[in-house]
Amino acid sequence: LFDAVNCLAKENARLLVLGRKHMLNNSSNWKKDIMKEMQNKADFFFAENISEDDAFLLYATLRSGKHCKFVTRDFLRDHKACLSDRLTRHVFRKWQRGHQIVFSPSVEGNHINFLPAFCYDCVVQTTGDTWHIPYKDTFEEKYSYQVPRKWLCIQQK
């Protein structure tokens, strides 16, 4: 969390960290001085220790406006499963892809990377006689935020 806050704070982003109240207790996991340093770089909201904090995350992201992004290692599958119909789940997944920044530790383990949220819809797109088709060159199971990042460009001659 400390590395993520520092990395995002360097981009001068306004940050809200959602956590649980146990993080305020000085422990081996949550050092008081490190928490204080993070609180100087970000706003914090501490929910009850037994709370379902995903609801806070979704509400804060939606309430903060259409340009707000969120970071979580949670894939929000439980929330998608609760949605009543296929169209609503599709809209939620599309919203998630456009707003979730994915946390990715480096292979070396000495820094972190973030995969940015998509600013485009990952579907076949066409303009005139040109098609842009997203693809993957290997098959692997994917999560809803993982979509192809390679595009095949085909132009009719």
N, C-alpha and C. Protein backbone atom coordinates (compact mmCIF):
# COMPACT_ATOMS: atom_id res chain seq x y z
N LEU A 1 0.83 -1.19 0.00
CA LEU A 1 0.00 0.00 0.00
C LEU A 1 0.87 1.25 0.00
N PHE A 2 1.93 1.23 0.80
CA PHE A 2 2.84 2.37 0.88
C PHE A 2 3.44 2.69 -0.49
N ASP A 3 3.92 1.66 -1.19
CA ASP A 3 4.51 1.87 -2.52
C ASP A 3 3.48 2.36 -3.52
N ALA A 4 2.26 1.83 -3.45
CA ALA A 4 1.21 2.26 -4.36
C ALA A 4 0.85 3.72 -4.13
N VAL A 5 0.69 4.12 -2.88
CA VAL A 5 0.37 5.51 -2.56
C VAL A 5 1.48 6.43 -3.03
N ASN A 6 2.73 6.07 -2.76
CA ASN A 6 3.86 6.90 -3.20
C ASN A 6 3.91 7.02 -4.72
N CYS A 7 3.71 5.92 -5.40
CA CYS A 7 3.75 5.93 -6.87
C CYS A 7 2.66 6.83 -7.44
N LEU A 8 1.44 6.68 -6.96
CA LEU A 8 0.32 7.48 -7.47
C LEU A 8 0.41 8.94 -7.03
N ALA A 9 0.95 9.19 -5.85
CA ALA A 9 1.10 10.57 -5.37
C ALA A 9 2.09 11.35 -6.22
N LYS A 10 3.07 10.67 -6.81
CA LYS A 10 4.04 11.33 -7.69
C LYS A 10 3.37 11.92 -8.92
N GLU A 11 2.22 11.35 -9.30
CA GLU A 11 1.48 11.83 -10.47
C GLU A 11 0.55 12.98 -10.11
N ASN A 12 0.65 13.46 -8.87
CA ASN A 12 -0.20 14.55 -8.36
C ASN A 12 -1.68 14.21 -8.46
N ALA A 13 -2.00 12.94 -8.34
CA ALA A 13 -3.40 12.52 -8.36
C ALA A 13 -3.98 12.73 -6.97
N ARG A 14 -5.25 13.09 -6.92
CA ARG A 14 -5.93 13.16 -5.63
C ARG A 14 -6.27 11.73 -5.25
N LEU A 15 -5.89 11.30 -4.07
CA LEU A 15 -6.02 9.91 -3.67
C LEU A 15 -6.94 9.75 -2.47
N LEU A 16 -7.77 8.76 -2.53
CA LEU A 16 -8.57 8.33 -1.39
C LEU A 16 -8.26 6.87 -1.17
N VAL A 17 -7.80 6.54 0.02
CA VAL A 17 -7.50 5.16 0.38
C VAL A 17 -8.61 4.67 1.29
N LEU A 18 -9.24 3.58 0.88
CA LEU A 18 -10.28 2.97 1.71
C LEU A 18 -9.64 1.80 2.45
N GLY A 19 -9.78 1.82 3.75
CA GLY A 19 -9.21 0.74 4.54
C GLY A 19 -10.13 0.39 5.68
N ARG A 20 -9.62 -0.37 6.61
CA ARG A 20 -10.39 -0.76 7.79
C ARG A 20 -9.71 -0.19 9.03
N LYS A 21 -10.50 -0.01 10.07
CA LYS A 21 -10.02 0.66 11.29
C LYS A 21 -8.82 -0.03 11.94
N HIS A 22 -8.65 -1.31 11.73
CA HIS A 22 -7.51 -2.01 12.34
C HIS A 22 -6.18 -1.47 11.81
N MET A 23 -6.22 -0.80 10.66
CA MET A 23 -4.99 -0.24 10.10
C MET A 23 -4.45 0.90 10.96
N LEU A 24 -5.29 1.47 11.82
CA LEU A 24 -4.86 2.57 12.69
C LEU A 24 -4.11 2.08 13.92
N ASN A 25 -4.19 0.79 14.21
CA ASN A 25 -3.49 0.22 15.36
C ASN A 25 -2.06 -0.10 14.95
N ASN A 26 -1.11 0.41 15.71
CA ASN A 26 0.30 0.15 15.42
C ASN A 26 0.55 -1.35 15.54
N SER A 27 0.99 -1.96 14.45
CA SER A 27 1.25 -3.41 14.44
C SER A 27 2.39 -3.69 13.46
N SER A 28 2.74 -4.96 13.34
CA SER A 28 3.81 -5.31 12.40
C SER A 28 3.39 -5.03 10.97
N ASN A 29 2.09 -5.10 10.67
CA ASN A 29 1.60 -4.82 9.32
C ASN A 29 1.35 -3.34 9.07
N TRP A 30 0.97 -2.61 10.10
CA TRP A 30 0.58 -1.20 9.94
C TRP A 30 1.34 -0.33 10.93
N LYS A 31 2.52 0.09 10.52
CA LYS A 31 3.36 0.95 11.35
C LYS A 31 2.77 2.36 11.39
N LYS A 32 2.69 2.93 12.60
CA LYS A 32 2.07 4.23 12.81
C LYS A 32 2.75 5.33 11.99
N ASP A 33 4.09 5.34 11.94
CA ASP A 33 4.80 6.39 11.20
C ASP A 33 4.57 6.28 9.69
N ILE A 34 4.47 5.06 9.18
CA ILE A 34 4.22 4.86 7.75
C ILE A 34 2.79 5.27 7.41
N MET A 35 1.85 4.93 8.29
CA MET A 35 0.46 5.34 8.08
C MET A 35 0.36 6.87 8.06
N LYS A 36 1.07 7.52 8.95
CA LYS A 36 1.05 8.98 9.01
C LYS A 36 1.62 9.58 7.74
N GLU A 37 2.70 9.01 7.23
CA GLU A 37 3.30 9.48 5.99
C GLU A 37 2.34 9.33 4.81
N MET A 38 1.64 8.19 4.77
CA MET A 38 0.66 7.99 3.69
C MET A 38 -0.50 8.98 3.83
N GLN A 39 -0.92 9.25 5.05
CA GLN A 39 -2.03 10.17 5.28
C GLN A 39 -1.67 11.60 4.88
N ASN A 40 -0.39 11.91 4.79
CA ASN A 40 0.03 13.22 4.29
C ASN A 40 -0.07 13.31 2.76
N LYS A 41 -0.16 12.16 2.10
CA LYS A 41 -0.21 12.11 0.64
C LYS A 41 -1.59 11.76 0.09
N ALA A 42 -2.46 11.27 0.95
CA ALA A 42 -3.77 10.80 0.49
C ALA A 42 -4.80 11.02 1.58
N ASP A 43 -6.06 11.11 1.17
CA ASP A 43 -7.16 11.09 2.13
C ASP A 43 -7.44 9.63 2.45
N PHE A 44 -7.88 9.37 3.67
CA PHE A 44 -8.19 8.01 4.10
C PHE A 44 -9.61 7.94 4.62
N PHE A 45 -10.26 6.82 4.39
CA PHE A 45 -11.54 6.50 5.00
C PHE A 45 -11.39 5.12 5.59
N PHE A 46 -11.67 5.01 6.89
CA PHE A 46 -11.53 3.72 7.56
C PHE A 46 -12.91 3.18 7.92
N ALA A 47 -13.28 2.07 7.31
CA ALA A 47 -14.55 1.40 7.57
C ALA A 47 -14.36 0.47 8.77
N GLU A 48 -15.47 0.00 9.28
CA GLU A 48 -15.42 -0.98 10.37
C GLU A 48 -14.66 -2.22 9.89
N ASN A 49 -14.03 -2.90 10.81
CA ASN A 49 -13.20 -4.06 10.46
C ASN A 49 -13.99 -5.19 9.81
N ILE A 50 -15.26 -5.31 10.12
CA ILE A 50 -16.06 -6.40 9.55
C ILE A 50 -16.86 -5.95 8.33
N SER A 51 -16.64 -4.74 7.88
CA SER A 51 -17.46 -4.20 6.78
C SER A 51 -17.06 -4.81 5.44
N GLU A 52 -17.99 -4.73 4.52
CA GLU A 52 -17.72 -5.07 3.13
C GLU A 52 -17.29 -3.77 2.46
N ASP A 53 -16.01 -3.56 2.30
CA ASP A 53 -15.52 -2.27 1.84
C ASP A 53 -15.69 -2.04 0.34
N ASP A 54 -16.03 -3.07 -0.43
CA ASP A 54 -16.24 -2.88 -1.86
C ASP A 54 -17.35 -1.88 -2.15
N ALA A 55 -18.39 -1.89 -1.34
CA ALA A 55 -19.48 -0.95 -1.54
C ALA A 55 -18.99 0.49 -1.40
N PHE A 56 -18.10 0.73 -0.45
CA PHE A 56 -17.51 2.06 -0.28
C PHE A 56 -16.68 2.44 -1.50
N LEU A 57 -15.91 1.47 -2.00
CA LEU A 57 -15.07 1.70 -3.17
C LEU A 57 -15.91 2.09 -4.38
N LEU A 58 -16.95 1.31 -4.64
CA LEU A 58 -17.80 1.58 -5.80
C LEU A 58 -18.51 2.93 -5.65
N TYR A 59 -19.05 3.19 -4.46
CA TYR A 59 -19.74 4.46 -4.25
C TYR A 59 -18.78 5.64 -4.42
N ALA A 60 -17.62 5.57 -3.80
CA ALA A 60 -16.66 6.68 -3.88
C ALA A 60 -16.23 6.93 -5.32
N THR A 61 -16.01 5.86 -6.07
CA THR A 61 -15.59 6.00 -7.47
C THR A 61 -16.70 6.63 -8.30
N LEU A 62 -17.91 6.12 -8.16
CA LEU A 62 -19.04 6.68 -8.92
C LEU A 62 -19.32 8.12 -8.53
N ARG A 63 -19.28 8.41 -7.24
CA ARG A 63 -19.61 9.75 -6.75
C ARG A 63 -18.54 10.79 -7.14
N SER A 64 -17.32 10.33 -7.37
CA SER A 64 -16.22 11.25 -7.67
C SER A 64 -16.19 11.71 -9.12
N GLY A 65 -17.01 11.14 -9.96
CA GLY A 65 -17.10 11.62 -11.34
C GLY A 65 -16.59 10.62 -12.35
N LYS A 66 -16.89 10.92 -13.61
CA LYS A 66 -16.59 9.95 -14.67
C LYS A 66 -15.10 9.76 -14.95
N HIS A 67 -14.26 10.68 -14.49
CA HIS A 67 -12.82 10.55 -14.73
C HIS A 67 -12.09 9.87 -13.58
N CYS A 68 -12.82 9.50 -12.54
CA CYS A 68 -12.21 8.86 -11.37
C CYS A 68 -11.80 7.44 -11.70
N LYS A 69 -10.65 7.04 -11.21
CA LYS A 69 -10.14 5.67 -11.39
C LYS A 69 -10.00 5.04 -10.01
N PHE A 70 -9.98 3.70 -9.97
CA PHE A 70 -9.78 3.01 -8.70
C PHE A 70 -8.78 1.89 -8.87
N VAL A 71 -8.12 1.56 -7.76
CA VAL A 71 -7.14 0.48 -7.74
C VAL A 71 -7.60 -0.52 -6.69
N THR A 72 -7.69 -1.77 -7.08
CA THR A 72 -7.97 -2.85 -6.15
C THR A 72 -7.49 -4.15 -6.78
N ARG A 73 -7.12 -5.08 -5.93
CA ARG A 73 -6.77 -6.41 -6.44
C ARG A 73 -8.02 -7.28 -6.56
N ASP A 74 -9.14 -6.77 -6.08
CA ASP A 74 -10.41 -7.47 -6.15
C ASP A 74 -10.95 -7.39 -7.58
N PHE A 75 -11.46 -8.49 -8.09
CA PHE A 75 -12.00 -8.50 -9.45
C PHE A 75 -13.49 -8.16 -9.48
N LEU A 76 -14.09 -7.97 -8.29
CA LEU A 76 -15.48 -7.56 -8.15
C LEU A 76 -16.45 -8.58 -8.76
N ARG A 77 -16.05 -9.84 -8.80
CA ARG A 77 -16.90 -10.89 -9.36
C ARG A 77 -18.20 -11.05 -8.60
N ASP A 78 -18.14 -10.95 -7.26
CA ASP A 78 -19.35 -11.10 -6.45
C ASP A 78 -20.38 -10.03 -6.81
N HIS A 79 -19.91 -8.84 -7.08
CA HIS A 79 -20.82 -7.74 -7.42
C HIS A 79 -21.44 -7.95 -8.80
N LYS A 80 -20.64 -8.41 -9.72
CA LYS A 80 -21.18 -8.70 -11.06
C LYS A 80 -22.22 -9.82 -10.98
N ALA A 81 -21.94 -10.82 -10.16
CA ALA A 81 -22.86 -11.95 -10.04
C ALA A 81 -24.20 -11.53 -9.45
N CYS A 82 -24.22 -10.48 -8.66
CA CYS A 82 -25.47 -10.00 -8.05
C CYS A 82 -26.32 -9.18 -9.01
N LEU A 83 -25.76 -8.78 -10.11
CA LEU A 83 -26.52 -7.95 -11.06
C LEU A 83 -27.58 -8.81 -11.75
N SER A 84 -28.73 -8.23 -11.97
CA SER A 84 -29.91 -9.00 -12.33
C SER A 84 -29.93 -9.56 -13.75
N ASP A 85 -29.30 -8.89 -14.69
CA ASP A 85 -29.42 -9.38 -16.06
C ASP A 85 -28.10 -9.22 -16.81
N ARG A 86 -28.03 -9.85 -17.96
CA ARG A 86 -26.82 -9.89 -18.78
C ARG A 86 -26.39 -8.49 -19.22
N LEU A 87 -27.33 -7.66 -19.63
CA LEU A 87 -27.00 -6.32 -20.10
C LEU A 87 -26.38 -5.48 -18.98
N THR A 88 -26.93 -5.58 -17.79
CA THR A 88 -26.39 -4.82 -16.66
C THR A 88 -24.98 -5.30 -16.32
N ARG A 89 -24.76 -6.62 -16.36
CA ARG A 89 -23.41 -7.15 -16.11
C ARG A 89 -22.43 -6.67 -17.17
N HIS A 90 -22.89 -6.62 -18.42
CA HIS A 90 -22.05 -6.12 -19.52
C HIS A 90 -21.68 -4.66 -19.29
N VAL A 91 -22.64 -3.84 -18.91
CA VAL A 91 -22.38 -2.41 -18.66
C VAL A 91 -21.41 -2.26 -17.48
N PHE A 92 -21.59 -3.08 -16.44
CA PHE A 92 -20.69 -3.01 -15.28
C PHE A 92 -19.26 -3.37 -15.69
N ARG A 93 -19.11 -4.47 -16.47
CA ARG A 93 -17.76 -4.87 -16.91
C ARG A 93 -17.11 -3.77 -17.75
N LYS A 94 -17.89 -3.16 -18.62
CA LYS A 94 -17.37 -2.08 -19.46
C LYS A 94 -16.94 -0.89 -18.59
N TRP A 95 -17.76 -0.55 -17.61
CA TRP A 95 -17.41 0.53 -16.68
C TRP A 95 -16.15 0.17 -15.91
N GLN A 96 -16.07 -1.08 -15.45
CA GLN A 96 -14.90 -1.53 -14.69
C GLN A 96 -13.63 -1.40 -15.52
N ARG A 97 -13.66 -1.84 -16.78
CA ARG A 97 -12.48 -1.75 -17.64
C ARG A 97 -12.04 -0.31 -17.84
N GLY A 98 -12.99 0.61 -17.85
CA GLY A 98 -12.66 2.01 -18.07
C GLY A 98 -12.23 2.76 -16.82
N HIS A 99 -12.35 2.12 -15.65
CA HIS A 99 -12.05 2.84 -14.41
C HIS A 99 -11.08 2.12 -13.48
N GLN A 100 -10.87 0.83 -13.67
CA GLN A 100 -9.97 0.09 -12.77
C GLN A 100 -8.54 0.12 -13.29
N ILE A 101 -7.67 0.63 -12.45
CA ILE A 101 -6.24 0.59 -12.71
C ILE A 101 -5.72 -0.67 -12.01
N VAL A 102 -5.04 -1.51 -12.75
CA VAL A 102 -4.64 -2.80 -12.21
C VAL A 102 -3.24 -2.73 -11.63
N PHE A 103 -3.12 -3.15 -10.39
CA PHE A 103 -1.86 -3.20 -9.66
C PHE A 103 -1.08 -4.42 -10.12
N SER A 104 0.18 -4.21 -10.47
CA SER A 104 0.98 -5.32 -10.97
C SER A 104 2.41 -5.18 -10.44
N PRO A 105 2.81 -6.03 -9.47
CA PRO A 105 4.19 -5.94 -8.98
C PRO A 105 5.17 -6.29 -10.09
N SER A 106 6.33 -5.67 -10.07
CA SER A 106 7.34 -5.97 -11.08
C SER A 106 7.89 -7.37 -10.87
N VAL A 107 8.46 -7.93 -11.93
CA VAL A 107 9.03 -9.28 -11.86
C VAL A 107 10.17 -9.30 -10.85
N GLU A 108 10.96 -8.23 -10.83
CA GLU A 108 12.10 -8.17 -9.92
C GLU A 108 11.64 -7.95 -8.48
N GLY A 109 10.41 -7.44 -8.30
CA GLY A 109 9.89 -7.20 -6.96
C GLY A 109 10.35 -5.90 -6.33
N ASN A 110 11.08 -5.06 -7.08
CA ASN A 110 11.61 -3.84 -6.47
C ASN A 110 10.79 -2.59 -6.79
N HIS A 111 9.77 -2.71 -7.60
CA HIS A 111 8.86 -1.59 -7.84
C HIS A 111 7.52 -2.12 -8.31
N ILE A 112 6.56 -1.24 -8.41
CA ILE A 112 5.24 -1.68 -8.85
C ILE A 112 4.87 -1.01 -10.16
N ASN A 113 4.00 -1.66 -10.89
CA ASN A 113 3.49 -1.13 -12.14
C ASN A 113 1.98 -1.06 -12.04
N PHE A 114 1.40 -0.18 -12.80
CA PHE A 114 -0.04 -0.11 -12.91
C PHE A 114 -0.40 -0.21 -14.38
N LEU A 115 -1.33 -1.10 -14.69
CA LEU A 115 -1.88 -1.15 -16.04
C LEU A 115 -3.01 -0.13 -16.06
N PRO A 116 -2.96 0.83 -16.97
CA PRO A 116 -3.97 1.89 -16.96
C PRO A 116 -5.35 1.36 -17.35
N ALA A 117 -6.36 2.09 -16.92
CA ALA A 117 -7.72 1.78 -17.35
C ALA A 117 -7.82 2.12 -18.84
N PHE A 118 -8.72 1.45 -19.51
CA PHE A 118 -8.88 1.68 -20.95
C PHE A 118 -9.63 2.98 -21.22
N CYS A 119 -9.18 3.71 -22.21
CA CYS A 119 -9.89 4.93 -22.63
C CYS A 119 -10.68 4.65 -23.89
N TYR A 120 -10.76 3.39 -24.28
CA TYR A 120 -11.51 3.00 -25.47
C TYR A 120 -12.22 1.68 -25.17
N ASP A 121 -13.20 1.36 -25.98
CA ASP A 121 -13.91 0.11 -25.83
C ASP A 121 -13.21 -0.95 -26.66
N CYS A 122 -12.94 -2.08 -26.06
CA CYS A 122 -12.17 -3.13 -26.72
C CYS A 122 -13.08 -4.05 -27.53
N VAL A 123 -13.61 -3.50 -28.61
CA VAL A 123 -14.45 -4.25 -29.54
C VAL A 123 -13.96 -3.91 -30.94
N VAL A 124 -14.38 -4.69 -31.93
CA VAL A 124 -14.01 -4.40 -33.31
C VAL A 124 -14.49 -2.99 -33.64
N GLN A 125 -13.58 -2.20 -34.21
CA GLN A 125 -13.92 -0.83 -34.57
C GLN A 125 -13.63 -0.63 -36.05
N THR A 126 -14.48 0.15 -36.69
CA THR A 126 -14.32 0.35 -38.12
C THR A 126 -14.50 1.81 -38.48
N THR A 127 -13.71 2.24 -39.45
CA THR A 127 -13.87 3.57 -40.03
C THR A 127 -13.68 3.40 -41.54
N GLY A 128 -14.75 3.64 -42.27
CA GLY A 128 -14.65 3.50 -43.73
C GLY A 128 -14.28 2.10 -44.14
N ASP A 129 -13.13 1.96 -44.78
CA ASP A 129 -12.70 0.65 -45.26
C ASP A 129 -11.63 0.01 -44.37
N THR A 130 -11.52 0.48 -43.14
CA THR A 130 -10.51 -0.03 -42.22
C THR A 130 -11.18 -0.63 -40.99
N TRP A 131 -10.67 -1.80 -40.56
CA TRP A 131 -11.17 -2.45 -39.35
C TRP A 131 -10.01 -2.60 -38.38
N HIS A 132 -10.30 -2.39 -37.11
CA HIS A 132 -9.34 -2.62 -36.03
C HIS A 132 -9.94 -3.70 -35.13
N ILE A 133 -9.21 -4.81 -35.01
CA ILE A 133 -9.73 -5.98 -34.31
C ILE A 133 -8.79 -6.31 -33.15
N PRO A 134 -9.31 -6.28 -31.91
CA PRO A 134 -8.47 -6.66 -30.77
C PRO A 134 -8.21 -8.17 -30.79
N TYR A 135 -7.00 -8.57 -30.41
CA TYR A 135 -6.71 -10.01 -30.38
C TYR A 135 -5.64 -10.33 -29.35
N LYS A 136 -5.57 -11.61 -29.01
CA LYS A 136 -4.51 -12.15 -28.16
C LYS A 136 -3.82 -13.24 -28.96
N ASP A 137 -2.52 -13.35 -28.84
CA ASP A 137 -1.84 -14.41 -29.59
C ASP A 137 -1.68 -15.69 -28.77
N THR A 138 -2.11 -15.69 -27.51
CA THR A 138 -2.13 -16.90 -26.71
C THR A 138 -3.47 -16.97 -26.00
N PHE A 139 -3.89 -18.18 -25.69
CA PHE A 139 -5.15 -18.34 -24.96
C PHE A 139 -4.83 -18.55 -23.49
N GLU A 140 -5.43 -17.73 -22.66
CA GLU A 140 -5.34 -17.93 -21.23
C GLU A 140 -6.62 -17.41 -20.60
N GLU A 141 -6.94 -17.96 -19.44
CA GLU A 141 -8.13 -17.48 -18.74
C GLU A 141 -7.91 -16.03 -18.37
N LYS A 142 -8.94 -15.22 -18.49
CA LYS A 142 -8.78 -13.80 -18.20
C LYS A 142 -9.85 -13.33 -17.25
N TYR A 143 -9.55 -12.23 -16.60
CA TYR A 143 -10.52 -11.58 -15.73
C TYR A 143 -11.19 -10.48 -16.54
N SER A 144 -12.27 -9.93 -16.02
CA SER A 144 -13.06 -8.99 -16.81
C SER A 144 -12.29 -7.73 -17.17
N TYR A 145 -11.29 -7.35 -16.38
CA TYR A 145 -10.54 -6.15 -16.72
C TYR A 145 -9.43 -6.45 -17.73
N GLN A 146 -9.12 -7.72 -17.96
CA GLN A 146 -8.06 -8.09 -18.88
C GLN A 146 -8.63 -8.29 -20.27
N VAL A 147 -8.31 -7.39 -21.14
CA VAL A 147 -8.75 -7.50 -22.53
C VAL A 147 -7.52 -7.40 -23.41
N PRO A 148 -7.64 -7.82 -24.65
CA PRO A 148 -6.47 -7.77 -25.53
C PRO A 148 -5.91 -6.36 -25.66
N ARG A 149 -4.61 -6.26 -25.68
CA ARG A 149 -3.96 -4.97 -25.85
C ARG A 149 -3.30 -4.86 -27.23
N LYS A 150 -3.44 -5.92 -28.03
CA LYS A 150 -2.92 -5.90 -29.40
C LYS A 150 -4.08 -5.74 -30.35
N TRP A 151 -3.83 -5.05 -31.45
CA TRP A 151 -4.89 -4.80 -32.44
C TRP A 151 -4.38 -5.18 -33.82
N LEU A 152 -5.24 -5.82 -34.56
CA LEU A 152 -4.97 -6.16 -35.96
C LEU A 152 -5.67 -5.09 -36.80
N CYS A 153 -4.93 -4.47 -37.70
CA CYS A 153 -5.50 -3.43 -38.56
C CYS A 153 -5.65 -4.03 -39.96
N ILE A 154 -6.87 -4.04 -40.47
CA ILE A 154 -7.15 -4.58 -41.82
C ILE A 154 -7.77 -3.46 -42.64
N GLN A 155 -7.21 -3.31 -43.84
CA GLN A 155 -7.74 -2.27 -44.72
C GLN A 155 -8.11 -2.90 -46.07
N GLN A 156 -9.31 -2.60 -46.54
CA GLN A 156 -9.77 -3.12 -47.82
C GLN A 156 -9.13 -2.33 -48.95
N LYS A 157 -8.62 -3.03 -49.95
CA LYS A 157 -7.98 -2.34 -51.10
C LYS A 157 -8.81 -2.51 -52.33
